[in-house]
Amino acid sequence: MINSIENFTNEIFYDIFDYLDGCDIHRAFSNLNYHFYQFLNSSLLLYKIKFNFLSDDLFLNNYQHMKSINPHQIFSLNLSFELYIDKFLSSFNIDSSLDHLQSIYLLNIQPNTLLILLKNCIHLPRLISLNIMSVHQLIDLCQIYLVIFTLPKLKYLKIISHQFKDPVVLPFATDNQQLSMIEHLIIDYSITFSELAAILSYTPKVYHLKFWHQDLNYPI
């Protein structure tokens, strides 16, 4: 009969932790004993980090735990609320040390912050999934797309907004330009067929596509 949490196998903890936020895991288990200290720092354990707070106290508390997590163990980042995204990125580097980071989700990020973050993402060797949801009208989608298309391993891209007003004036890709590896592309805002054609000229490997046509307003 199991009478101690330490008697659970590591595989059980991997399964449980897969459903939990990485900062919550670290807060709950990091100070229990040396066994859990070793387990939490094992390269086999990857953390899903979710920053979604409504107060400075909650943000600061989780950020302290976040700083204690080895960057090599971070699997995904979910960043919400522009105030805390800016605070987070001002002191946390997005660089090649995040060599297991595969997924980033961004909600309501400032346009300038978004562009800087995406430019840093080029150093992430395993980033395959990117979700961007924004209500900012000032985002320069042309710039954003051109940076995204330079991300070497990206396979999945989803951009959501109902606030973009300016058209995506994106030039068609030329023969000497780097083409994207994106295979799944979801454009959840109104777009014209000419804008879509320009985007697809950079993404020849796309086989799953969903978008909203500007005039007919139905998904294809």
N, C-alpha and C. Protein backbone atom coordinates (compact mmCIF):
# COMPACT_ATOMS: atom_id res chain seq x y z
N MET A 1 0.84 -1.20 0.00
CA MET A 1 0.00 0.00 0.00
C MET A 1 0.87 1.25 0.00
N ILE A 2 0.58 2.17 -0.90
CA ILE A 2 1.36 3.40 -0.99
C ILE A 2 0.94 4.34 0.13
N ASN A 3 1.89 4.70 0.97
CA ASN A 3 1.57 5.59 2.08
C ASN A 3 2.38 6.88 2.07
N SER A 4 3.13 7.11 0.99
CA SER A 4 3.92 8.33 0.88
C SER A 4 3.93 8.79 -0.55
N ILE A 5 3.84 10.10 -0.74
CA ILE A 5 3.84 10.64 -2.11
C ILE A 5 5.15 10.35 -2.81
N GLU A 6 6.22 10.17 -2.04
CA GLU A 6 7.53 9.88 -2.63
C GLU A 6 7.55 8.51 -3.29
N ASN A 7 6.62 7.64 -2.94
CA ASN A 7 6.60 6.30 -3.50
C ASN A 7 5.97 6.24 -4.89
N PHE A 8 5.35 7.34 -5.31
CA PHE A 8 4.84 7.38 -6.68
C PHE A 8 6.02 7.37 -7.65
N THR A 9 5.84 6.72 -8.78
CA THR A 9 6.89 6.72 -9.79
C THR A 9 6.98 8.08 -10.46
N ASN A 10 8.13 8.35 -11.05
CA ASN A 10 8.31 9.61 -11.77
C ASN A 10 7.31 9.75 -12.90
N GLU A 11 6.98 8.63 -13.54
CA GLU A 11 6.04 8.67 -14.66
C GLU A 11 4.68 9.20 -14.23
N ILE A 12 4.25 8.86 -13.03
CA ILE A 12 2.97 9.37 -12.52
C ILE A 12 3.04 10.88 -12.36
N PHE A 13 4.16 11.37 -11.82
CA PHE A 13 4.30 12.81 -11.66
C PHE A 13 4.36 13.52 -13.01
N TYR A 14 5.03 12.92 -13.99
CA TYR A 14 5.05 13.52 -15.33
C TYR A 14 3.62 13.69 -15.85
N ASP A 15 2.80 12.67 -15.67
CA ASP A 15 1.42 12.73 -16.15
C ASP A 15 0.62 13.81 -15.41
N ILE A 16 0.80 13.88 -14.10
CA ILE A 16 0.07 14.88 -13.30
C ILE A 16 0.53 16.29 -13.66
N PHE A 17 1.84 16.49 -13.71
CA PHE A 17 2.39 17.83 -13.95
C PHE A 17 2.06 18.35 -15.34
N ASP A 18 1.73 17.44 -16.25
CA ASP A 18 1.39 17.87 -17.61
C ASP A 18 0.14 18.75 -17.63
N TYR A 19 -0.68 18.66 -16.58
CA TYR A 19 -1.92 19.44 -16.50
C TYR A 19 -1.77 20.69 -15.63
N LEU A 20 -0.60 20.91 -15.06
CA LEU A 20 -0.42 21.99 -14.10
C LEU A 20 0.51 23.07 -14.62
N ASP A 21 0.33 24.28 -14.10
CA ASP A 21 1.23 25.38 -14.43
C ASP A 21 2.58 25.15 -13.77
N GLY A 22 3.64 25.45 -14.51
CA GLY A 22 4.98 25.19 -14.01
C GLY A 22 5.31 25.92 -12.72
N CYS A 23 4.85 27.17 -12.59
CA CYS A 23 5.11 27.93 -11.36
C CYS A 23 4.39 27.31 -10.17
N ASP A 24 3.18 26.80 -10.40
CA ASP A 24 2.44 26.13 -9.32
C ASP A 24 3.17 24.85 -8.88
N ILE A 25 3.70 24.13 -9.84
CA ILE A 25 4.46 22.91 -9.52
C ILE A 25 5.66 23.26 -8.65
N HIS A 26 6.40 24.28 -9.08
CA HIS A 26 7.60 24.66 -8.34
C HIS A 26 7.25 25.15 -6.94
N ARG A 27 6.18 25.93 -6.82
CA ARG A 27 5.76 26.45 -5.52
C ARG A 27 5.38 25.31 -4.56
N ALA A 28 4.71 24.30 -5.09
CA ALA A 28 4.19 23.23 -4.24
C ALA A 28 5.24 22.20 -3.85
N PHE A 29 6.23 21.95 -4.72
CA PHE A 29 7.11 20.81 -4.49
C PHE A 29 8.58 21.16 -4.26
N SER A 30 9.00 22.37 -4.56
CA SER A 30 10.44 22.67 -4.55
C SER A 30 11.07 22.61 -3.17
N ASN A 31 10.30 22.85 -2.13
CA ASN A 31 10.86 22.88 -0.77
C ASN A 31 10.51 21.66 0.07
N LEU A 32 9.99 20.62 -0.57
CA LEU A 32 9.59 19.44 0.20
C LEU A 32 10.80 18.67 0.73
N ASN A 33 11.67 18.25 -0.16
CA ASN A 33 12.87 17.50 0.24
C ASN A 33 13.82 17.41 -0.96
N TYR A 34 14.96 16.78 -0.73
CA TYR A 34 15.98 16.71 -1.77
C TYR A 34 15.53 15.86 -2.94
N HIS A 35 14.74 14.83 -2.67
CA HIS A 35 14.24 13.97 -3.75
C HIS A 35 13.45 14.80 -4.77
N PHE A 36 12.54 15.63 -4.29
CA PHE A 36 11.74 16.44 -5.21
C PHE A 36 12.57 17.56 -5.83
N TYR A 37 13.54 18.05 -5.09
CA TYR A 37 14.44 19.07 -5.67
C TYR A 37 15.14 18.50 -6.90
N GLN A 38 15.65 17.28 -6.78
CA GLN A 38 16.30 16.64 -7.92
C GLN A 38 15.32 16.39 -9.06
N PHE A 39 14.14 15.92 -8.70
CA PHE A 39 13.14 15.61 -9.73
C PHE A 39 12.73 16.87 -10.49
N LEU A 40 12.51 17.98 -9.78
CA LEU A 40 12.07 19.21 -10.43
C LEU A 40 13.14 19.79 -11.33
N ASN A 41 14.40 19.43 -11.09
CA ASN A 41 15.50 19.94 -11.91
C ASN A 41 15.99 18.93 -12.94
N SER A 42 15.26 17.83 -13.07
CA SER A 42 15.63 16.84 -14.07
C SER A 42 15.35 17.36 -15.47
N SER A 43 16.25 17.07 -16.39
CA SER A 43 16.06 17.52 -17.77
C SER A 43 14.88 16.82 -18.45
N LEU A 44 14.39 15.74 -17.83
CA LEU A 44 13.24 15.03 -18.40
C LEU A 44 11.91 15.71 -18.09
N LEU A 45 11.93 16.63 -17.12
CA LEU A 45 10.70 17.33 -16.74
C LEU A 45 10.65 18.68 -17.45
N LEU A 46 9.60 18.89 -18.24
CA LEU A 46 9.43 20.16 -18.95
C LEU A 46 8.22 20.89 -18.39
N TYR A 47 8.36 22.21 -18.25
CA TYR A 47 7.34 23.03 -17.60
C TYR A 47 6.51 23.83 -18.61
N LYS A 48 5.21 23.87 -18.35
CA LYS A 48 4.31 24.76 -19.07
C LYS A 48 4.04 25.97 -18.19
N ILE A 49 4.51 27.14 -18.63
CA ILE A 49 4.42 28.35 -17.82
C ILE A 49 3.25 29.20 -18.28
N LYS A 50 2.39 29.57 -17.34
CA LYS A 50 1.23 30.41 -17.66
C LYS A 50 1.23 31.64 -16.77
N PHE A 51 1.36 32.81 -17.40
CA PHE A 51 1.28 34.09 -16.68
C PHE A 51 -0.04 34.75 -17.05
N ASN A 52 -0.97 34.71 -16.11
CA ASN A 52 -2.31 35.25 -16.35
C ASN A 52 -2.84 35.78 -15.03
N PHE A 53 -2.44 37.03 -14.68
CA PHE A 53 -2.71 37.55 -13.35
C PHE A 53 -3.43 38.88 -13.41
N LEU A 54 -4.09 39.19 -12.30
CA LEU A 54 -4.84 40.44 -12.18
C LEU A 54 -4.27 41.34 -11.09
N SER A 55 -3.14 40.95 -10.49
CA SER A 55 -2.56 41.78 -9.44
C SER A 55 -1.04 41.67 -9.46
N ASP A 56 -0.38 42.72 -8.97
CA ASP A 56 1.08 42.73 -8.92
C ASP A 56 1.61 41.65 -7.98
N ASP A 57 0.91 41.42 -6.88
CA ASP A 57 1.38 40.44 -5.90
C ASP A 57 1.44 39.04 -6.50
N LEU A 58 0.38 38.66 -7.23
CA LEU A 58 0.36 37.35 -7.87
C LEU A 58 1.46 37.23 -8.92
N PHE A 59 1.64 38.30 -9.68
CA PHE A 59 2.68 38.29 -10.71
C PHE A 59 4.06 38.11 -10.09
N LEU A 60 4.37 38.91 -9.07
CA LEU A 60 5.69 38.87 -8.45
C LEU A 60 5.96 37.52 -7.80
N ASN A 61 4.93 36.96 -7.16
CA ASN A 61 5.10 35.67 -6.51
C ASN A 61 5.45 34.59 -7.53
N ASN A 62 4.69 34.56 -8.63
CA ASN A 62 4.95 33.54 -9.65
C ASN A 62 6.26 33.79 -10.38
N TYR A 63 6.60 35.06 -10.55
CA TYR A 63 7.85 35.36 -11.26
C TYR A 63 9.06 34.88 -10.47
N GLN A 64 8.99 34.96 -9.15
CA GLN A 64 10.09 34.46 -8.32
C GLN A 64 10.28 32.96 -8.54
N HIS A 65 9.19 32.23 -8.63
CA HIS A 65 9.30 30.79 -8.90
C HIS A 65 9.77 30.55 -10.33
N MET A 66 9.32 31.38 -11.24
CA MET A 66 9.72 31.24 -12.63
C MET A 66 11.24 31.37 -12.78
N LYS A 67 11.83 32.31 -12.05
CA LYS A 67 13.28 32.53 -12.15
C LYS A 67 14.07 31.34 -11.62
N SER A 68 13.44 30.52 -10.79
CA SER A 68 14.13 29.35 -10.24
C SER A 68 14.08 28.14 -11.16
N ILE A 69 13.27 28.23 -12.20
CA ILE A 69 13.15 27.12 -13.15
C ILE A 69 14.24 27.23 -14.20
N ASN A 70 14.90 26.13 -14.46
CA ASN A 70 15.94 26.10 -15.48
C ASN A 70 15.32 26.41 -16.84
N PRO A 71 15.85 27.42 -17.56
CA PRO A 71 15.26 27.76 -18.87
C PRO A 71 15.26 26.59 -19.85
N HIS A 72 16.19 25.66 -19.68
CA HIS A 72 16.23 24.49 -20.57
C HIS A 72 15.03 23.57 -20.36
N GLN A 73 14.29 23.79 -19.27
CA GLN A 73 13.15 22.92 -18.96
C GLN A 73 11.80 23.55 -19.31
N ILE A 74 11.80 24.71 -19.92
CA ILE A 74 10.54 25.38 -20.24
C ILE A 74 10.03 24.89 -21.59
N PHE A 75 8.83 24.33 -21.59
CA PHE A 75 8.22 23.77 -22.80
C PHE A 75 7.30 24.77 -23.49
N SER A 76 6.54 25.55 -22.71
CA SER A 76 5.60 26.50 -23.31
C SER A 76 5.46 27.74 -22.44
N LEU A 77 5.12 28.85 -23.08
CA LEU A 77 4.86 30.12 -22.40
C LEU A 77 3.48 30.62 -22.82
N ASN A 78 2.66 30.93 -21.83
CA ASN A 78 1.33 31.50 -22.07
C ASN A 78 1.29 32.83 -21.34
N LEU A 79 1.35 33.93 -22.10
CA LEU A 79 1.46 35.26 -21.50
C LEU A 79 0.23 36.09 -21.83
N SER A 80 -0.45 36.58 -20.78
CA SER A 80 -1.68 37.35 -20.95
C SER A 80 -1.58 38.67 -20.20
N PHE A 81 -2.34 39.65 -20.66
CA PHE A 81 -2.42 40.99 -20.07
C PHE A 81 -1.14 41.78 -20.34
N GLU A 82 -1.28 42.81 -21.14
CA GLU A 82 -0.12 43.53 -21.66
C GLU A 82 0.78 44.11 -20.58
N LEU A 83 0.21 44.59 -19.47
CA LEU A 83 1.03 45.16 -18.40
C LEU A 83 2.02 44.14 -17.88
N TYR A 84 1.56 42.92 -17.65
CA TYR A 84 2.43 41.90 -17.08
C TYR A 84 3.33 41.26 -18.13
N ILE A 85 2.91 41.25 -19.37
CA ILE A 85 3.79 40.77 -20.43
C ILE A 85 5.01 41.67 -20.53
N ASP A 86 4.79 42.98 -20.51
CA ASP A 86 5.91 43.93 -20.58
C ASP A 86 6.84 43.76 -19.38
N LYS A 87 6.26 43.61 -18.20
CA LYS A 87 7.08 43.41 -17.00
C LYS A 87 7.89 42.12 -17.10
N PHE A 88 7.24 41.09 -17.56
CA PHE A 88 7.90 39.79 -17.67
C PHE A 88 9.07 39.86 -18.65
N LEU A 89 8.82 40.41 -19.83
CA LEU A 89 9.85 40.42 -20.87
C LEU A 89 10.96 41.41 -20.59
N SER A 90 10.71 42.38 -19.71
CA SER A 90 11.76 43.35 -19.37
C SER A 90 12.88 42.71 -18.55
N SER A 91 12.60 41.57 -17.93
CA SER A 91 13.60 40.94 -17.07
C SER A 91 13.82 39.46 -17.38
N PHE A 92 13.15 38.96 -18.41
CA PHE A 92 13.31 37.56 -18.79
C PHE A 92 13.73 37.50 -20.25
N ASN A 93 14.85 36.85 -20.52
CA ASN A 93 15.40 36.83 -21.87
C ASN A 93 14.81 35.69 -22.70
N ILE A 94 14.37 36.04 -23.88
CA ILE A 94 13.96 35.04 -24.86
C ILE A 94 15.16 34.79 -25.75
N ASP A 95 15.86 33.69 -25.49
CA ASP A 95 17.09 33.43 -26.23
C ASP A 95 17.31 31.92 -26.38
N SER A 96 18.48 31.55 -26.86
CA SER A 96 18.75 30.15 -27.19
C SER A 96 18.82 29.25 -25.97
N SER A 97 18.88 29.82 -24.76
CA SER A 97 18.86 28.97 -23.56
C SER A 97 17.52 28.26 -23.40
N LEU A 98 16.48 28.78 -24.05
CA LEU A 98 15.15 28.15 -24.03
C LEU A 98 15.09 27.09 -25.14
N ASP A 99 15.97 26.13 -25.04
CA ASP A 99 16.14 25.21 -26.17
C ASP A 99 15.11 24.09 -26.22
N HIS A 100 14.16 24.08 -25.26
CA HIS A 100 13.04 23.13 -25.34
C HIS A 100 11.69 23.85 -25.44
N LEU A 101 11.74 25.14 -25.62
CA LEU A 101 10.50 25.91 -25.74
C LEU A 101 9.88 25.66 -27.11
N GLN A 102 8.68 25.08 -27.12
CA GLN A 102 8.03 24.71 -28.37
C GLN A 102 6.78 25.53 -28.68
N SER A 103 6.19 26.16 -27.68
CA SER A 103 4.90 26.83 -27.90
C SER A 103 4.84 28.16 -27.14
N ILE A 104 4.34 29.20 -27.83
CA ILE A 104 4.13 30.51 -27.22
C ILE A 104 2.72 30.98 -27.54
N TYR A 105 2.01 31.42 -26.49
CA TYR A 105 0.68 32.01 -26.65
C TYR A 105 0.72 33.41 -26.08
N LEU A 106 0.28 34.40 -26.86
CA LEU A 106 0.32 35.80 -26.45
C LEU A 106 -1.07 36.40 -26.55
N LEU A 107 -1.51 37.02 -25.47
CA LEU A 107 -2.82 37.66 -25.44
C LEU A 107 -2.66 39.14 -25.11
N ASN A 108 -3.11 40.00 -26.04
CA ASN A 108 -3.12 41.45 -25.82
C ASN A 108 -1.75 42.00 -25.46
N ILE A 109 -0.82 41.79 -26.35
CA ILE A 109 0.53 42.29 -26.18
C ILE A 109 0.68 43.60 -26.96
N GLN A 110 1.46 44.53 -26.40
CA GLN A 110 1.69 45.81 -27.07
C GLN A 110 2.41 45.59 -28.40
N PRO A 111 2.07 46.37 -29.43
CA PRO A 111 2.68 46.17 -30.75
C PRO A 111 4.20 46.17 -30.74
N ASN A 112 4.82 47.15 -30.06
CA ASN A 112 6.28 47.20 -30.04
C ASN A 112 6.88 46.01 -29.30
N THR A 113 6.23 45.63 -28.22
CA THR A 113 6.70 44.47 -27.45
C THR A 113 6.59 43.20 -28.28
N LEU A 114 5.52 43.07 -29.02
CA LEU A 114 5.32 41.90 -29.88
C LEU A 114 6.43 41.78 -30.91
N LEU A 115 6.76 42.88 -31.54
CA LEU A 115 7.79 42.85 -32.58
C LEU A 115 9.15 42.47 -32.00
N ILE A 116 9.48 43.04 -30.85
CA ILE A 116 10.76 42.72 -30.21
C ILE A 116 10.81 41.24 -29.83
N LEU A 117 9.71 40.75 -29.25
CA LEU A 117 9.67 39.35 -28.84
C LEU A 117 9.85 38.42 -30.04
N LEU A 118 9.13 38.71 -31.11
CA LEU A 118 9.21 37.84 -32.29
C LEU A 118 10.62 37.82 -32.89
N LYS A 119 11.28 38.97 -32.87
CA LYS A 119 12.66 39.01 -33.38
C LYS A 119 13.58 38.15 -32.52
N ASN A 120 13.31 38.09 -31.23
CA ASN A 120 14.11 37.24 -30.34
C ASN A 120 13.79 35.76 -30.53
N CYS A 121 12.59 35.48 -31.00
CA CYS A 121 12.18 34.08 -31.18
C CYS A 121 12.99 33.35 -32.24
N ILE A 122 13.68 34.08 -33.07
CA ILE A 122 14.49 33.43 -34.10
C ILE A 122 15.60 32.60 -33.48
N HIS A 123 15.92 32.88 -32.21
CA HIS A 123 16.98 32.13 -31.51
C HIS A 123 16.45 30.87 -30.84
N LEU A 124 15.16 30.61 -30.94
CA LEU A 124 14.57 29.44 -30.28
C LEU A 124 14.62 28.25 -31.24
N PRO A 125 15.42 27.25 -30.95
CA PRO A 125 15.65 26.17 -31.91
C PRO A 125 14.49 25.19 -32.08
N ARG A 126 13.51 25.22 -31.15
CA ARG A 126 12.42 24.23 -31.23
C ARG A 126 11.03 24.86 -31.24
N LEU A 127 10.93 26.14 -31.44
CA LEU A 127 9.62 26.79 -31.43
C LEU A 127 8.82 26.35 -32.66
N ILE A 128 7.73 25.62 -32.43
CA ILE A 128 6.94 25.11 -33.54
C ILE A 128 5.52 25.68 -33.57
N SER A 129 5.08 26.30 -32.46
CA SER A 129 3.70 26.78 -32.38
C SER A 129 3.65 28.19 -31.83
N LEU A 130 2.88 29.06 -32.51
CA LEU A 130 2.75 30.46 -32.10
C LEU A 130 1.30 30.89 -32.23
N ASN A 131 0.73 31.36 -31.12
CA ASN A 131 -0.63 31.89 -31.09
C ASN A 131 -0.57 33.35 -30.67
N ILE A 132 -1.18 34.23 -31.46
CA ILE A 132 -1.21 35.65 -31.13
C ILE A 132 -2.66 36.12 -31.18
N MET A 133 -3.13 36.64 -30.05
CA MET A 133 -4.47 37.21 -29.99
C MET A 133 -4.34 38.65 -29.53
N SER A 134 -4.84 39.59 -30.33
CA SER A 134 -4.63 41.00 -30.01
C SER A 134 -5.86 41.83 -30.35
N VAL A 135 -6.04 42.90 -29.57
CA VAL A 135 -7.11 43.86 -29.86
C VAL A 135 -6.51 45.20 -30.29
N HIS A 136 -5.20 45.25 -30.46
CA HIS A 136 -4.54 46.50 -30.82
C HIS A 136 -4.69 46.78 -32.31
N GLN A 137 -5.15 47.96 -32.63
CA GLN A 137 -5.33 48.35 -34.02
C GLN A 137 -4.02 48.80 -34.67
N LEU A 138 -3.03 49.13 -33.85
CA LEU A 138 -1.80 49.72 -34.37
C LEU A 138 -0.75 48.68 -34.76
N ILE A 139 -1.07 47.42 -34.63
CA ILE A 139 -0.10 46.39 -35.00
C ILE A 139 0.14 46.42 -36.51
N ASP A 140 1.41 46.48 -36.87
CA ASP A 140 1.80 46.45 -38.28
C ASP A 140 1.91 44.99 -38.71
N LEU A 141 0.84 44.47 -39.28
CA LEU A 141 0.81 43.05 -39.62
C LEU A 141 1.84 42.68 -40.67
N CYS A 142 2.14 43.60 -41.54
CA CYS A 142 3.15 43.31 -42.56
C CYS A 142 4.50 43.01 -41.90
N GLN A 143 4.90 43.88 -40.98
CA GLN A 143 6.14 43.65 -40.24
C GLN A 143 6.09 42.36 -39.44
N ILE A 144 4.96 42.14 -38.78
CA ILE A 144 4.82 40.95 -37.94
C ILE A 144 4.97 39.67 -38.78
N TYR A 145 4.28 39.62 -39.91
CA TYR A 145 4.37 38.42 -40.75
C TYR A 145 5.80 38.20 -41.26
N LEU A 146 6.46 39.26 -41.68
CA LEU A 146 7.81 39.10 -42.23
C LEU A 146 8.77 38.56 -41.18
N VAL A 147 8.59 38.97 -39.93
CA VAL A 147 9.44 38.42 -38.86
C VAL A 147 9.06 36.97 -38.58
N ILE A 148 7.77 36.70 -38.50
CA ILE A 148 7.31 35.33 -38.23
C ILE A 148 7.84 34.35 -39.28
N PHE A 149 7.86 34.77 -40.52
CA PHE A 149 8.28 33.88 -41.59
C PHE A 149 9.77 33.54 -41.53
N THR A 150 10.53 34.24 -40.67
CA THR A 150 11.95 33.92 -40.51
C THR A 150 12.19 32.90 -39.39
N LEU A 151 11.14 32.54 -38.65
CA LEU A 151 11.31 31.58 -37.55
C LEU A 151 11.54 30.20 -38.15
N PRO A 152 12.68 29.60 -37.90
CA PRO A 152 13.13 28.45 -38.68
C PRO A 152 12.34 27.16 -38.51
N LYS A 153 11.73 26.94 -37.34
CA LYS A 153 11.07 25.66 -37.07
C LYS A 153 9.55 25.76 -36.95
N LEU A 154 9.00 26.95 -37.11
CA LEU A 154 7.58 27.16 -36.85
C LEU A 154 6.70 26.34 -37.81
N LYS A 155 5.78 25.56 -37.22
CA LYS A 155 4.87 24.73 -38.01
C LYS A 155 3.41 25.20 -37.90
N TYR A 156 3.09 25.87 -36.80
CA TYR A 156 1.69 26.24 -36.52
C TYR A 156 1.63 27.72 -36.18
N LEU A 157 0.75 28.45 -36.88
CA LEU A 157 0.56 29.87 -36.61
C LEU A 157 -0.93 30.19 -36.58
N LYS A 158 -1.34 30.86 -35.50
CA LYS A 158 -2.72 31.33 -35.38
C LYS A 158 -2.69 32.79 -34.94
N ILE A 159 -3.34 33.65 -35.73
CA ILE A 159 -3.44 35.07 -35.39
C ILE A 159 -4.92 35.43 -35.31
N ILE A 160 -5.32 35.97 -34.16
CA ILE A 160 -6.72 36.29 -33.91
C ILE A 160 -6.86 37.76 -33.58
N SER A 161 -7.77 38.44 -34.25
CA SER A 161 -8.15 39.81 -33.87
C SER A 161 -9.34 40.23 -34.71
N HIS A 162 -10.18 41.05 -34.11
CA HIS A 162 -11.28 41.65 -34.84
C HIS A 162 -11.13 43.17 -34.86
N GLN A 163 -9.89 43.62 -34.57
CA GLN A 163 -9.64 45.05 -34.47
C GLN A 163 -8.73 45.58 -35.57
N PHE A 164 -8.04 44.69 -36.29
CA PHE A 164 -7.13 45.16 -37.33
C PHE A 164 -7.92 45.92 -38.40
N LYS A 165 -7.44 47.10 -38.73
CA LYS A 165 -8.14 47.91 -39.72
C LYS A 165 -7.35 48.03 -41.02
N ASP A 166 -6.03 48.20 -40.90
CA ASP A 166 -5.22 48.40 -42.09
C ASP A 166 -5.02 47.07 -42.82
N PRO A 167 -5.00 47.10 -44.15
CA PRO A 167 -4.75 45.87 -44.92
C PRO A 167 -3.31 45.39 -44.73
N VAL A 168 -3.10 44.12 -44.99
CA VAL A 168 -1.75 43.56 -44.90
C VAL A 168 -1.07 43.80 -46.24
N VAL A 169 -0.32 44.89 -46.33
CA VAL A 169 0.35 45.23 -47.58
C VAL A 169 1.68 44.49 -47.62
N LEU A 170 1.58 43.21 -47.90
CA LEU A 170 2.75 42.34 -47.87
C LEU A 170 3.20 42.06 -49.30
N PRO A 171 4.46 42.33 -49.62
CA PRO A 171 4.94 42.02 -50.97
C PRO A 171 5.01 40.51 -51.17
N PHE A 172 4.83 40.08 -52.39
CA PHE A 172 4.96 38.65 -52.67
C PHE A 172 6.41 38.21 -52.47
N ALA A 173 6.58 36.99 -52.00
CA ALA A 173 7.92 36.45 -51.77
C ALA A 173 8.66 36.32 -53.09
N THR A 174 9.94 36.63 -53.06
CA THR A 174 10.79 36.50 -54.24
C THR A 174 11.62 35.22 -54.13
N ASP A 175 12.31 34.88 -55.21
CA ASP A 175 13.07 33.63 -55.24
C ASP A 175 14.18 33.57 -54.20
N ASN A 176 14.73 34.73 -53.84
CA ASN A 176 15.87 34.72 -52.91
C ASN A 176 15.46 34.97 -51.46
N GLN A 177 14.15 34.99 -51.17
CA GLN A 177 13.70 35.19 -49.81
C GLN A 177 13.51 33.87 -49.08
N GLN A 178 13.73 33.91 -47.76
CA GLN A 178 13.52 32.73 -46.94
C GLN A 178 12.03 32.42 -46.85
N LEU A 179 11.67 31.17 -47.11
CA LEU A 179 10.28 30.74 -47.02
C LEU A 179 10.03 30.04 -45.70
N SER A 180 8.80 30.11 -45.25
CA SER A 180 8.44 29.58 -43.94
C SER A 180 8.15 28.08 -44.00
N MET A 181 8.33 27.42 -42.84
CA MET A 181 8.03 26.00 -42.72
C MET A 181 6.62 25.76 -42.18
N ILE A 182 5.82 26.81 -42.05
CA ILE A 182 4.48 26.71 -41.47
C ILE A 182 3.61 25.73 -42.28
N GLU A 183 2.93 24.84 -41.55
CA GLU A 183 2.03 23.87 -42.18
C GLU A 183 0.57 24.11 -41.80
N HIS A 184 0.34 24.63 -40.61
CA HIS A 184 -1.02 24.94 -40.13
C HIS A 184 -1.12 26.46 -39.97
N LEU A 185 -2.03 27.07 -40.71
CA LEU A 185 -2.16 28.53 -40.69
C LEU A 185 -3.62 28.90 -40.46
N ILE A 186 -3.86 29.62 -39.36
CA ILE A 186 -5.21 30.08 -39.03
C ILE A 186 -5.18 31.60 -38.92
N ILE A 187 -5.91 32.26 -39.80
CA ILE A 187 -5.98 33.73 -39.82
C ILE A 187 -7.39 34.11 -39.42
N ASP A 188 -7.55 34.44 -38.16
CA ASP A 188 -8.89 34.70 -37.61
C ASP A 188 -9.17 36.20 -37.55
N TYR A 189 -9.11 36.83 -38.71
CA TYR A 189 -9.53 38.22 -38.88
C TYR A 189 -9.84 38.40 -40.36
N SER A 190 -10.55 39.45 -40.70
CA SER A 190 -10.98 39.65 -42.09
C SER A 190 -9.79 39.94 -42.99
N ILE A 191 -9.74 39.23 -44.11
CA ILE A 191 -8.62 39.37 -45.03
C ILE A 191 -9.13 39.20 -46.45
N THR A 192 -8.50 39.87 -47.39
CA THR A 192 -8.89 39.74 -48.80
C THR A 192 -8.11 38.57 -49.43
N PHE A 193 -8.59 38.13 -50.58
CA PHE A 193 -7.90 37.05 -51.27
C PHE A 193 -6.51 37.48 -51.74
N SER A 194 -6.34 38.74 -52.13
CA SER A 194 -5.03 39.21 -52.57
C SER A 194 -4.04 39.24 -51.40
N GLU A 195 -4.53 39.63 -50.21
CA GLU A 195 -3.67 39.60 -49.02
C GLU A 195 -3.28 38.17 -48.68
N LEU A 196 -4.25 37.27 -48.78
CA LEU A 196 -3.99 35.86 -48.49
C LEU A 196 -2.97 35.28 -49.47
N ALA A 197 -3.10 35.64 -50.73
CA ALA A 197 -2.17 35.12 -51.75
C ALA A 197 -0.74 35.53 -51.44
N ALA A 198 -0.56 36.77 -50.98
CA ALA A 198 0.78 37.23 -50.62
C ALA A 198 1.33 36.44 -49.45
N ILE A 199 0.49 36.20 -48.44
CA ILE A 199 0.92 35.42 -47.27
C ILE A 199 1.31 34.00 -47.69
N LEU A 200 0.51 33.40 -48.54
CA LEU A 200 0.77 32.02 -48.96
C LEU A 200 2.02 31.90 -49.83
N SER A 201 2.45 33.00 -50.42
CA SER A 201 3.68 32.94 -51.21
C SER A 201 4.90 32.68 -50.32
N TYR A 202 4.77 32.97 -49.02
CA TYR A 202 5.85 32.71 -48.07
C TYR A 202 5.69 31.36 -47.37
N THR A 203 4.54 30.72 -47.54
CA THR A 203 4.24 29.50 -46.78
C THR A 203 3.84 28.36 -47.71
N PRO A 204 4.74 27.90 -48.56
CA PRO A 204 4.38 26.88 -49.54
C PRO A 204 4.06 25.51 -48.94
N LYS A 205 4.41 25.30 -47.68
CA LYS A 205 4.17 23.99 -47.06
C LYS A 205 2.83 23.90 -46.34
N VAL A 206 2.03 24.97 -46.38
CA VAL A 206 0.73 24.95 -45.69
C VAL A 206 -0.19 23.90 -46.30
N TYR A 207 -0.75 23.04 -45.45
CA TYR A 207 -1.76 22.09 -45.91
C TYR A 207 -3.05 22.18 -45.09
N HIS A 208 -3.03 22.95 -44.00
CA HIS A 208 -4.24 23.22 -43.23
C HIS A 208 -4.39 24.73 -43.12
N LEU A 209 -5.45 25.26 -43.73
CA LEU A 209 -5.64 26.71 -43.80
C LEU A 209 -7.06 27.08 -43.41
N LYS A 210 -7.16 28.10 -42.56
CA LYS A 210 -8.47 28.66 -42.21
C LYS A 210 -8.33 30.17 -42.17
N PHE A 211 -9.28 30.86 -42.80
CA PHE A 211 -9.24 32.32 -42.78
C PHE A 211 -10.65 32.87 -42.94
N TRP A 212 -10.78 34.17 -42.68
CA TRP A 212 -12.06 34.86 -42.85
C TRP A 212 -11.93 35.83 -44.01
N HIS A 213 -12.79 35.61 -45.03
CA HIS A 213 -12.75 36.52 -46.17
C HIS A 213 -13.41 37.84 -45.81
N GLN A 214 -12.78 38.93 -46.22
CA GLN A 214 -13.22 40.26 -45.81
C GLN A 214 -14.63 40.59 -46.28
N ASP A 215 -14.98 40.14 -47.45
CA ASP A 215 -16.28 40.53 -48.01
C ASP A 215 -17.39 39.54 -47.65
N LEU A 216 -17.12 38.26 -47.78
CA LEU A 216 -18.17 37.27 -47.57
C LEU A 216 -18.31 36.87 -46.11
N ASN A 217 -17.25 37.07 -45.33
CA ASN A 217 -17.29 36.84 -43.88
C ASN A 217 -17.70 35.40 -43.51
N TYR A 218 -17.07 34.46 -44.20
CA TYR A 218 -17.25 33.07 -43.78
C TYR A 218 -15.89 32.36 -43.86
N PRO A 219 -15.67 31.37 -42.97
CA PRO A 219 -14.38 30.68 -42.96
C PRO A 219 -14.28 29.70 -44.11
N ILE A 220 -13.07 29.55 -44.61
CA ILE A 220 -12.82 28.59 -45.68
C ILE A 220 -11.74 27.61 -45.19
